N, C-alpha and C. Protein backbone atom coordinates (compact mmCIF):
# COMPACT_ATOMS: atom_id res chain seq x y z
N UNK A 1 13.18 12.17 46.72
CA UNK A 1 12.35 13.39 46.62
C UNK A 1 11.39 12.97 47.20
N UNK A 2 10.57 13.44 48.09
CA UNK A 2 8.92 13.58 48.24
C UNK A 2 8.08 14.27 47.84
N UNK A 3 6.91 14.05 46.73
CA UNK A 3 6.60 15.12 46.34
C UNK A 3 5.09 15.28 46.89
N UNK A 4 4.75 16.18 46.88
CA UNK A 4 3.46 16.38 48.12
C UNK A 4 2.60 16.50 47.06
N UNK A 5 1.34 16.21 47.90
CA UNK A 5 0.16 15.92 46.90
C UNK A 5 -0.13 17.56 46.67
N UNK A 6 -0.09 18.80 47.30
CA UNK A 6 -0.14 19.52 46.59
C UNK A 6 0.70 20.34 45.44
N UNK A 7 1.73 19.18 45.28
CA UNK A 7 2.90 19.61 44.02
C UNK A 7 2.05 19.40 42.51
N UNK A 8 1.52 17.97 43.29
CA UNK A 8 0.89 17.36 42.17
C UNK A 8 -0.76 18.44 41.20
N UNK A 9 -1.32 18.70 42.79
CA UNK A 9 -2.18 19.94 42.00
C UNK A 9 -1.59 21.07 41.47
N UNK A 10 -0.64 22.03 42.04
CA UNK A 10 -0.18 23.20 41.56
C UNK A 10 0.57 22.86 40.18
N UNK A 11 1.47 21.77 40.14
CA UNK A 11 1.55 20.95 38.35
C UNK A 11 0.51 21.45 37.21
N UNK A 12 -0.77 20.53 37.70
CA UNK A 12 -2.06 20.52 37.04
C UNK A 12 -2.58 21.90 36.59
N UNK A 13 -2.86 22.36 37.71
CA UNK A 13 -2.99 23.83 37.92
C UNK A 13 -1.90 24.87 37.17
N UNK A 14 -0.59 24.55 36.96
CA UNK A 14 0.07 25.76 36.39
C UNK A 14 0.08 24.87 34.66
N UNK A 15 -0.14 24.03 34.22
CA UNK A 15 -0.50 23.16 32.91
C UNK A 15 -2.01 23.87 32.55
N UNK A 16 -3.02 23.94 33.29
CA UNK A 16 -4.26 24.17 32.81
C UNK A 16 -4.29 25.66 32.77
N UNK A 17 -4.02 26.58 33.42
CA UNK A 17 -3.78 27.96 33.58
C UNK A 17 -3.28 28.78 32.60
N UNK A 18 -2.11 28.19 32.05
CA UNK A 18 -1.50 28.45 31.05
C UNK A 18 -1.81 28.58 29.85
N UNK A 19 -2.87 29.10 29.80
CA UNK A 19 -3.64 28.40 28.63
C UNK A 19 -3.15 29.56 27.20
N UNK A 20 -3.27 29.33 26.02
CA UNK A 20 -3.36 29.84 25.39
C UNK A 20 -4.53 30.70 24.91
N UNK A 21 -4.40 31.77 24.48
CA UNK A 21 -5.23 32.76 23.70
C UNK A 21 -6.63 32.49 23.35
N UNK A 22 -7.42 32.50 23.66
CA UNK A 22 -8.49 31.64 23.27
C UNK A 22 -9.65 32.67 22.85
N UNK A 23 -11.35 32.56 23.01
CA UNK A 23 -11.75 34.05 23.02
C UNK A 23 -11.53 34.61 23.67
N UNK A 24 -10.89 34.66 25.08
CA UNK A 24 -10.74 35.55 25.91
C UNK A 24 -9.27 35.62 25.79
N UNK A 25 -8.90 36.56 26.33
CA UNK A 25 -7.67 36.32 26.88
C UNK A 25 -6.99 36.82 28.11
N UNK A 26 -5.75 35.96 28.60
CA UNK A 26 -5.70 36.90 30.15
C UNK A 26 -5.07 38.22 30.06
N UNK A 27 -5.55 38.56 31.19
CA UNK A 27 -5.59 40.12 31.34
C UNK A 27 -3.40 39.92 31.92
N UNK A 28 -3.10 41.37 31.21
CA UNK A 28 -1.53 41.50 32.02
C UNK A 28 -1.34 41.66 32.77
N UNK A 29 -0.13 41.45 33.72
CA UNK A 29 0.29 41.61 34.95
C UNK A 29 0.30 43.19 34.84
N UNK A 30 0.69 43.61 36.21
CA UNK A 30 1.01 44.91 36.45
C UNK A 30 2.51 44.52 36.46
N UNK A 31 3.47 45.43 36.02
CA UNK A 31 5.28 45.33 35.58
C UNK A 31 5.53 45.64 37.52
N UNK A 32 6.40 44.77 37.76
CA UNK A 32 6.81 45.49 39.08
C UNK A 32 7.13 43.74 39.80
N UNK A 33 7.28 43.71 41.44
CA UNK A 33 7.17 42.76 42.09
C UNK A 33 6.00 42.11 43.16
N UNK A 34 5.80 40.45 42.99
CA UNK A 34 4.73 40.52 43.14
C UNK A 34 4.52 39.14 43.86
N UNK A 35 4.28 39.08 44.55
CA UNK A 35 4.24 37.59 46.13
C UNK A 35 3.06 37.18 45.43
N UNK A 36 3.55 35.91 45.36
CA UNK A 36 2.11 34.54 44.71
C UNK A 36 2.46 33.42 46.24
N UNK A 37 1.49 33.11 46.97
CA UNK A 37 1.39 32.00 47.64
C UNK A 37 0.22 30.86 46.96
N UNK A 38 0.97 30.01 46.96
CA UNK A 38 0.48 28.57 46.73
C UNK A 38 -0.01 27.79 47.80
N UNK A 39 -1.06 27.16 47.44
CA UNK A 39 -0.92 25.64 48.61
C UNK A 39 -2.04 24.54 48.07
N UNK A 40 -2.65 24.02 48.63
CA UNK A 40 -3.00 22.78 47.99
C UNK A 40 -5.17 23.04 48.64
N UNK A 41 -5.02 24.70 48.88
CA UNK A 41 -6.68 24.92 49.38
C UNK A 41 -7.11 24.10 50.60
N UNK A 42 -6.45 23.41 51.56
CA UNK A 42 -6.78 23.01 52.39
C UNK A 42 -6.49 23.77 54.19
N UNK A 43 -5.72 24.62 53.41
CA UNK A 43 -4.57 25.02 54.95
C UNK A 43 -4.12 24.39 55.53
N UNK A 44 -3.75 23.24 55.68
CA UNK A 44 -2.73 22.38 56.23
C UNK A 44 -1.37 22.98 56.17
N UNK A 45 -1.28 22.57 57.30
CA UNK A 45 0.25 23.37 57.76
C UNK A 45 1.75 22.42 56.82
N UNK A 46 2.70 23.49 56.12
CA UNK A 46 3.28 23.26 55.47
C UNK A 46 3.08 23.17 53.71
N UNK A 47 1.60 22.86 53.66
CA UNK A 47 1.10 22.76 52.13
C UNK A 47 1.08 24.02 51.13
N UNK A 48 1.54 24.83 51.81
CA UNK A 48 1.47 26.40 50.72
C UNK A 48 3.22 26.45 51.18
N UNK A 49 3.49 27.77 49.83
CA UNK A 49 4.45 28.11 49.67
C UNK A 49 4.67 29.69 49.45
N UNK A 50 5.99 30.55 49.49
CA UNK A 50 5.47 31.81 49.12
C UNK A 50 6.56 32.02 47.84
N UNK A 51 6.66 32.72 47.01
CA UNK A 51 7.55 33.25 46.48
C UNK A 51 7.37 34.59 45.86
N UNK A 52 8.44 35.44 45.90
CA UNK A 52 8.61 37.03 45.10
C UNK A 52 9.12 36.84 43.60
N UNK A 53 8.26 37.22 42.71
CA UNK A 53 8.73 37.34 41.16
C UNK A 53 8.60 38.43 40.35
N UNK A 54 9.96 39.06 39.90
CA UNK A 54 9.69 40.15 39.36
C UNK A 54 9.24 39.99 37.70
N UNK A 55 7.86 40.60 37.43
CA UNK A 55 7.19 40.32 36.11
C UNK A 55 7.56 41.85 35.51
N UNK A 56 7.40 41.34 34.30
CA UNK A 56 7.60 42.71 33.15
C UNK A 56 6.89 42.05 31.89
N UNK A 57 6.59 42.80 30.98
CA UNK A 57 5.76 42.57 29.50
C UNK A 57 5.92 41.46 28.91
N UNK A 58 7.71 41.37 28.88
CA UNK A 58 7.85 39.94 28.60
C UNK A 58 8.45 39.10 28.96
N UNK A 59 8.37 38.85 30.44
CA UNK A 59 8.32 37.88 31.17
C UNK A 59 6.98 37.11 31.50
N UNK A 60 5.80 38.00 31.17
CA UNK A 60 4.33 37.46 31.36
C UNK A 60 4.14 37.13 30.17
N UNK A 61 4.38 37.53 28.98
CA UNK A 61 4.78 36.79 27.78
C UNK A 61 5.45 35.46 27.53
N UNK A 62 6.19 35.40 27.97
CA UNK A 62 6.98 34.47 27.74
C UNK A 62 6.33 33.17 28.35
N UNK A 63 6.04 33.36 29.74
CA UNK A 63 5.47 32.41 30.70
C UNK A 63 3.58 31.75 30.20
N UNK A 64 3.48 33.05 29.71
CA UNK A 64 1.97 32.34 28.81
C UNK A 64 2.28 31.37 27.25
N UNK A 65 3.37 32.23 26.77
CA UNK A 65 3.73 30.69 25.79
C UNK A 65 4.06 30.04 25.80
N UNK A 66 5.62 30.07 26.80
CA UNK A 66 5.50 28.21 27.61
C UNK A 66 4.01 27.56 27.74
N UNK A 67 3.01 28.30 28.21
CA UNK A 67 2.43 27.15 28.96
C UNK A 67 1.41 26.47 27.67
N UNK A 68 0.97 27.71 26.61
CA UNK A 68 0.89 27.33 25.17
C UNK A 68 1.26 26.43 24.53
N UNK A 69 3.09 26.19 24.76
CA UNK A 69 3.37 25.19 24.43
C UNK A 69 2.92 23.99 25.45
N UNK A 70 3.35 23.73 26.23
CA UNK A 70 2.61 22.66 27.47
C UNK A 70 1.42 22.48 26.89
N UNK A 71 0.02 23.26 26.87
CA UNK A 71 -0.80 22.60 26.60
C UNK A 71 -1.45 22.64 25.12
N UNK A 72 -0.91 22.60 24.37
CA UNK A 72 -0.43 22.50 23.21
C UNK A 72 -0.80 20.69 22.75
N UNK A 73 0.65 20.78 23.41
CA UNK A 73 0.95 18.98 23.24
C UNK A 73 0.47 17.98 24.08
N UNK A 74 -0.39 18.86 25.82
CA UNK A 74 -0.36 17.63 26.21
C UNK A 74 -2.18 17.71 26.65
N UNK A 75 -2.32 18.64 26.24
CA UNK A 75 -3.93 18.89 26.35
C UNK A 75 -5.20 18.80 25.05
N UNK A 76 -6.09 17.71 25.48
CA UNK A 76 -7.13 17.89 24.22
C UNK A 76 -8.36 18.47 24.61
N UNK A 77 -8.35 19.50 25.50
CA UNK A 77 -9.45 20.28 25.96
C UNK A 77 -8.50 21.55 26.20
N UNK A 78 -9.27 22.91 26.31
CA UNK A 78 -8.67 23.99 26.85
C UNK A 78 -9.58 24.93 26.57
N UNK A 79 -10.79 25.20 27.02
CA UNK A 79 -11.76 26.62 27.46
C UNK A 79 -11.32 27.50 27.93
N UNK A 80 -11.67 28.56 27.85
CA UNK A 80 -11.37 30.01 28.46
C UNK A 80 -12.42 30.60 28.53
N UNK A 81 -13.20 31.16 29.62
CA UNK A 81 -14.33 31.91 29.26
C UNK A 81 -14.55 32.80 30.49
N UNK A 82 -15.16 34.27 30.23
CA UNK A 82 -16.00 35.11 31.32
C UNK A 82 -17.01 34.73 31.21
N UNK A 83 -17.02 34.48 32.69
CA UNK A 83 -18.34 34.03 33.52
C UNK A 83 -18.38 35.31 34.96
N UNK A 84 -19.20 36.13 34.67
CA UNK A 84 -19.18 37.69 35.42
C UNK A 84 -18.37 38.43 35.79
N UNK A 85 -17.19 38.27 35.36
CA UNK A 85 -16.11 39.26 35.70
C UNK A 85 -14.83 38.24 36.22
N UNK A 86 -15.04 36.90 35.97
CA UNK A 86 -14.51 35.87 36.53
C UNK A 86 -13.97 34.83 35.19
N UNK A 87 -12.61 34.59 35.71
CA UNK A 87 -12.28 33.99 34.04
C UNK A 87 -12.27 32.31 34.49
N UNK A 88 -12.82 31.88 33.81
CA UNK A 88 -13.36 30.14 34.20
C UNK A 88 -12.33 29.31 33.11
N UNK A 89 -11.35 28.67 33.66
CA UNK A 89 -10.58 27.57 32.83
C UNK A 89 -11.50 25.83 32.95
N UNK A 90 -11.23 25.73 31.92
CA UNK A 90 -11.69 23.94 32.11
C UNK A 90 -11.00 23.18 31.07
N UNK A 91 -10.28 22.19 31.23
CA UNK A 91 -9.01 21.50 30.79
C UNK A 91 -8.99 19.91 30.78
N UNK A 92 -8.53 19.27 29.45
CA UNK A 92 -8.41 18.03 29.78
C UNK A 92 -7.00 17.72 29.37
N UNK A 93 -6.04 17.59 30.37
CA UNK A 93 -4.80 17.02 30.14
C UNK A 93 -4.00 15.95 30.45
N UNK A 94 -3.30 15.42 30.01
CA UNK A 94 -2.43 13.81 30.31
C UNK A 94 -0.76 14.80 30.92
N UNK A 95 -1.01 13.61 31.96
CA UNK A 95 0.09 13.99 32.50
C UNK A 95 0.66 12.67 32.95
N UNK A 96 1.61 12.16 31.97
CA UNK A 96 1.87 10.74 31.56
C UNK A 96 0.86 10.36 31.69
N UNK A 97 0.59 9.05 31.88
CA UNK A 97 -0.30 7.93 31.61
C UNK A 97 -1.82 8.28 32.30
N UNK A 98 -1.97 9.53 33.23
CA UNK A 98 -2.73 9.85 33.83
C UNK A 98 -3.44 11.44 32.94
N UNK A 99 -4.80 11.60 32.96
CA UNK A 99 -5.58 12.38 32.58
C UNK A 99 -6.24 13.36 33.51
N UNK A 100 -5.92 14.25 33.46
CA UNK A 100 -6.03 15.38 34.71
C UNK A 100 -7.11 16.36 34.10
N UNK A 101 -8.09 16.43 34.65
CA UNK A 101 -9.27 16.86 34.53
C UNK A 101 -9.07 18.24 35.49
N UNK A 102 -9.76 19.67 35.00
CA UNK A 102 -9.42 20.54 35.52
C UNK A 102 -10.33 21.57 36.03
N UNK A 103 -10.96 22.50 36.87
CA UNK A 103 -11.52 23.27 36.80
C UNK A 103 -10.89 24.51 37.29
N UNK A 104 -10.80 25.87 36.97
CA UNK A 104 -10.13 26.43 37.78
C UNK A 104 -11.03 28.11 37.71
N UNK A 105 -10.86 28.71 38.42
CA UNK A 105 -11.56 30.01 38.27
C UNK A 105 -10.73 31.07 39.14
N UNK A 106 -10.56 32.20 38.32
CA UNK A 106 -9.75 33.27 38.62
C UNK A 106 -10.23 34.63 39.20
N UNK A 107 -10.09 35.54 39.30
CA UNK A 107 -10.46 36.40 40.18
C UNK A 107 -9.83 37.52 40.14
N UNK A 108 -10.10 38.82 39.74
CA UNK A 108 -9.05 39.92 40.71
C UNK A 108 -8.77 40.77 39.56
N UNK A 109 -8.04 41.81 39.23
CA UNK A 109 -7.91 42.99 38.51
C UNK A 109 -6.66 42.91 37.95
N UNK A 110 -5.60 41.74 38.53
CA UNK A 110 -4.26 41.37 37.87
C UNK A 110 -3.65 43.20 37.79
N UNK A 111 -3.45 43.66 38.38
CA UNK A 111 -2.90 44.94 38.15
C UNK A 111 -2.48 45.22 39.86
N UNK A 112 -3.14 44.56 40.98
CA UNK A 112 -2.85 44.37 42.06
C UNK A 112 -3.26 43.46 43.12
N UNK A 113 -4.02 42.89 42.63
CA UNK A 113 -3.97 41.27 42.94
C UNK A 113 -4.85 40.27 42.33
N UNK A 114 -5.32 39.08 42.60
CA UNK A 114 -5.64 38.30 42.04
C UNK A 114 -5.61 36.75 42.95
N UNK A 115 -6.96 36.14 42.72
CA UNK A 115 -6.31 34.53 43.60
C UNK A 115 -7.27 33.73 41.96
N UNK A 116 -6.92 32.21 42.33
CA UNK A 116 -7.55 31.05 41.48
C UNK A 116 -7.45 30.00 42.29
N UNK A 117 -8.26 29.41 42.20
CA UNK A 117 -8.66 28.09 42.73
C UNK A 117 -9.13 27.13 41.75
N UNK A 118 -8.68 26.11 42.05
CA UNK A 118 -8.81 24.48 40.66
C UNK A 118 -8.89 23.64 41.80
N UNK A 119 -9.64 22.79 41.04
CA UNK A 119 -10.16 21.45 41.36
C UNK A 119 -9.38 20.46 40.30
N UNK A 120 -8.98 19.72 40.41
CA UNK A 120 -8.82 18.14 39.03
C UNK A 120 -8.87 16.70 40.03
N UNK A 121 -9.52 16.12 38.90
CA UNK A 121 -9.38 14.83 39.05
C UNK A 121 -8.25 13.80 38.00
N UNK A 122 -7.95 13.05 38.70
CA UNK A 122 -7.03 12.38 37.76
C UNK A 122 -7.39 10.55 37.78
N UNK A 123 -7.16 10.48 36.29
CA UNK A 123 -7.82 9.04 35.76
C UNK A 123 -6.71 8.42 34.84
N UNK A 124 -5.94 6.98 35.38
CA UNK A 124 -5.91 6.73 37.08
C UNK A 124 -5.40 7.61 37.68
N UNK A 125 -5.34 7.03 38.61
CA UNK A 125 -4.90 8.23 40.27
C UNK A 125 -3.17 8.67 39.78
N UNK A 126 -3.42 9.61 40.17
CA UNK A 126 -1.94 10.49 40.15
C UNK A 126 -1.36 10.28 41.33
N UNK A 127 -0.29 9.55 41.21
CA UNK A 127 0.84 9.30 42.58
C UNK A 127 -0.19 8.90 43.77
N UNK A 128 -1.03 7.99 43.15
CA UNK A 128 -1.93 7.57 44.33
C UNK A 128 -3.24 8.71 44.90
N UNK A 129 -3.38 9.82 44.39
CA UNK A 129 -4.38 10.77 44.51
C UNK A 129 -5.28 10.64 43.14
N UNK A 130 -6.80 10.61 43.46
CA UNK A 130 -7.69 10.41 42.37
C UNK A 130 -7.66 12.05 42.35
N UNK A 131 -8.14 13.36 43.07
CA UNK A 131 -8.35 14.62 43.25
C UNK A 131 -7.33 15.25 43.79
N UNK A 132 -7.00 16.33 43.30
CA UNK A 132 -6.69 17.34 43.77
C UNK A 132 -6.84 18.91 44.01
N UNK A 133 -6.05 19.43 44.82
CA UNK A 133 -7.03 20.87 44.29
C UNK A 133 -5.89 21.90 44.87
N UNK A 134 -6.19 23.15 44.32
CA UNK A 134 -5.13 24.45 44.45
C UNK A 134 -5.57 25.75 44.63
N UNK A 135 -5.02 26.77 45.70
CA UNK A 135 -5.55 27.58 45.47
C UNK A 135 -4.10 28.92 45.09
N UNK A 136 -3.90 29.88 44.57
CA UNK A 136 -2.96 30.83 43.96
C UNK A 136 -3.44 32.04 44.10
N UNK A 137 -2.61 32.78 45.40
CA UNK A 137 -3.26 34.19 45.30
C UNK A 137 -2.07 34.96 45.28
N UNK A 138 -2.16 35.92 44.42
CA UNK A 138 -0.80 36.98 43.98
C UNK A 138 -1.51 38.48 44.37
N UNK A 139 0.19 39.08 45.24
CA UNK A 139 -0.58 40.51 45.14
C UNK A 139 0.94 41.37 44.58
N UNK A 140 0.61 42.77 44.07
CA UNK A 140 1.74 43.51 43.63
C UNK A 140 2.19 44.04 44.97
N UNK A 141 3.60 43.57 45.28
CA UNK A 141 4.14 44.40 46.48
C UNK A 141 5.30 45.88 46.10
N UNK A 142 4.90 46.05 44.93
CA UNK A 142 5.70 47.11 44.48
C UNK A 142 6.63 47.20 43.45
N UNK A 143 7.66 48.43 43.12
CA UNK A 143 8.40 48.05 41.71
C UNK A 143 9.31 47.16 42.49
N UNK A 144 10.07 46.43 41.29
CA UNK A 144 11.31 45.83 41.49
C UNK A 144 12.04 46.26 42.27
N UNK A 145 12.99 45.53 43.26
CA UNK A 145 14.44 46.11 43.49
C UNK A 145 15.29 46.52 42.67
N UNK A 146 16.15 46.93 42.99
CA UNK A 146 17.53 47.41 42.31
C UNK A 146 18.26 46.33 41.57
N UNK A 147 18.66 45.38 42.45
CA UNK A 147 19.04 44.03 41.77
C UNK A 147 18.46 42.94 41.05
N UNK A 148 17.55 43.38 41.05
CA UNK A 148 16.54 42.47 40.05
C UNK A 148 16.23 42.51 38.95
N UNK A 149 16.23 41.16 38.49
CA UNK A 149 16.42 41.48 36.53
C UNK A 149 14.77 40.51 36.40
N UNK A 150 13.76 41.00 35.17
CA UNK A 150 13.02 40.07 34.73
C UNK A 150 12.87 38.70 34.73
N UNK A 151 12.12 38.22 35.68
CA UNK A 151 11.92 36.86 35.84
C UNK A 151 12.46 36.27 36.80
N UNK A 152 13.42 36.88 37.71
CA UNK A 152 13.89 37.08 38.75
C UNK A 152 12.68 36.03 39.93
N UNK A 153 13.16 35.27 40.38
CA UNK A 153 12.09 34.36 41.53
C UNK A 153 12.92 34.54 42.82
N UNK A 154 12.15 34.50 43.73
CA UNK A 154 12.82 34.36 45.45
C UNK A 154 12.25 33.67 45.97
N UNK A 155 12.48 32.24 46.11
CA UNK A 155 11.46 31.30 46.95
C UNK A 155 11.78 31.65 48.61
N UNK A 156 10.60 30.75 49.06
CA UNK A 156 10.37 31.00 50.30
C UNK A 156 11.48 31.20 51.61
N UNK A 157 12.53 29.83 50.60
CA UNK A 157 13.46 29.77 51.52
C UNK A 157 14.70 30.59 51.15
N UNK A 158 14.75 31.39 50.58
CA UNK A 158 15.55 32.38 50.29
C UNK A 158 16.59 32.49 48.79
N UNK A 159 16.10 30.66 48.23
CA UNK A 159 16.67 30.49 47.11
C UNK A 159 16.09 31.51 45.84
N UNK A 160 17.48 31.92 45.25
CA UNK A 160 17.19 32.55 43.93
C UNK A 160 16.97 32.11 42.06
N UNK A 161 16.12 31.86 41.82
CA UNK A 161 16.05 31.64 39.91
C UNK A 161 15.59 32.56 39.42
N UNK A 162 16.14 32.29 38.40
CA UNK A 162 15.34 33.15 36.85
C UNK A 162 14.48 32.13 36.19
N UNK A 163 13.36 32.39 36.25
CA UNK A 163 12.41 31.50 34.69
C UNK A 163 12.97 31.55 33.79
N UNK A 164 12.90 32.96 33.32
CA UNK A 164 13.48 32.85 31.86
C UNK A 164 14.45 32.12 31.25
N UNK A 165 15.90 32.13 32.41
CA UNK A 165 16.80 31.46 32.13
C UNK A 165 16.56 29.91 32.14
N UNK A 166 15.43 29.69 32.99
CA UNK A 166 15.31 28.54 33.35
C UNK A 166 14.51 27.68 32.44
N UNK A 167 13.71 28.89 31.48
CA UNK A 167 13.05 27.73 30.45
C UNK A 167 14.05 28.09 29.24
N UNK A 168 15.49 28.39 29.01
CA UNK A 168 15.83 28.12 28.04
C UNK A 168 15.53 28.72 26.93
N UNK A 169 16.53 29.03 25.88
CA UNK A 169 16.00 29.51 24.29
C UNK A 169 15.98 31.33 24.93
N UNK A 170 16.26 31.97 25.83
CA UNK A 170 15.41 33.18 26.49
C UNK A 170 16.59 33.93 26.67
N UNK A 171 17.21 34.99 26.00
CA UNK A 171 18.47 35.47 26.42
C UNK A 171 18.09 36.19 27.94
N UNK A 172 19.43 36.57 28.32
CA UNK A 172 19.55 37.07 29.74
C UNK A 172 18.83 38.28 29.27
N UNK A 173 18.05 39.05 30.58
CA UNK A 173 18.04 40.54 30.29
C UNK A 173 18.86 41.19 31.66
N UNK A 174 18.84 42.48 30.71
CA UNK A 174 19.46 43.16 32.40
C UNK A 174 18.99 43.59 33.26
């Protein structure tokens, strides 16, 4: 399986942005259907992915809790602060033998749209890369569809999965 450079940056982004509540807590996302586009920040063809995810309060909390657990075990530094209405995250985390140092900035209102930009450096290089970047843009697209349950995610290729079920330990929700 070939892992794209954007996947490295997005993995680091996920680890560094799903942090525990520190001095500032992440705003809760509006319940409903969200479209989330991720990419490597270069605009390169094939470097972006779009998914749709059903979010409710329990799913949002479960995802934050998962990130909190990941960060607790792998990050020596996790700082979250508000700078001029934007959330800024600085982290230093281990990804195998590599130390990933990440700076991310999030903006938006979390009820209709938000954007996150991240830059990371890897020492020693991770899969041959010393640096990476990622951009995530999310927008609320409306109420959930009747056949969707909390945590459902539809990938750009049409594949459907439920993140709560994949995380394990979470009961299936109706």
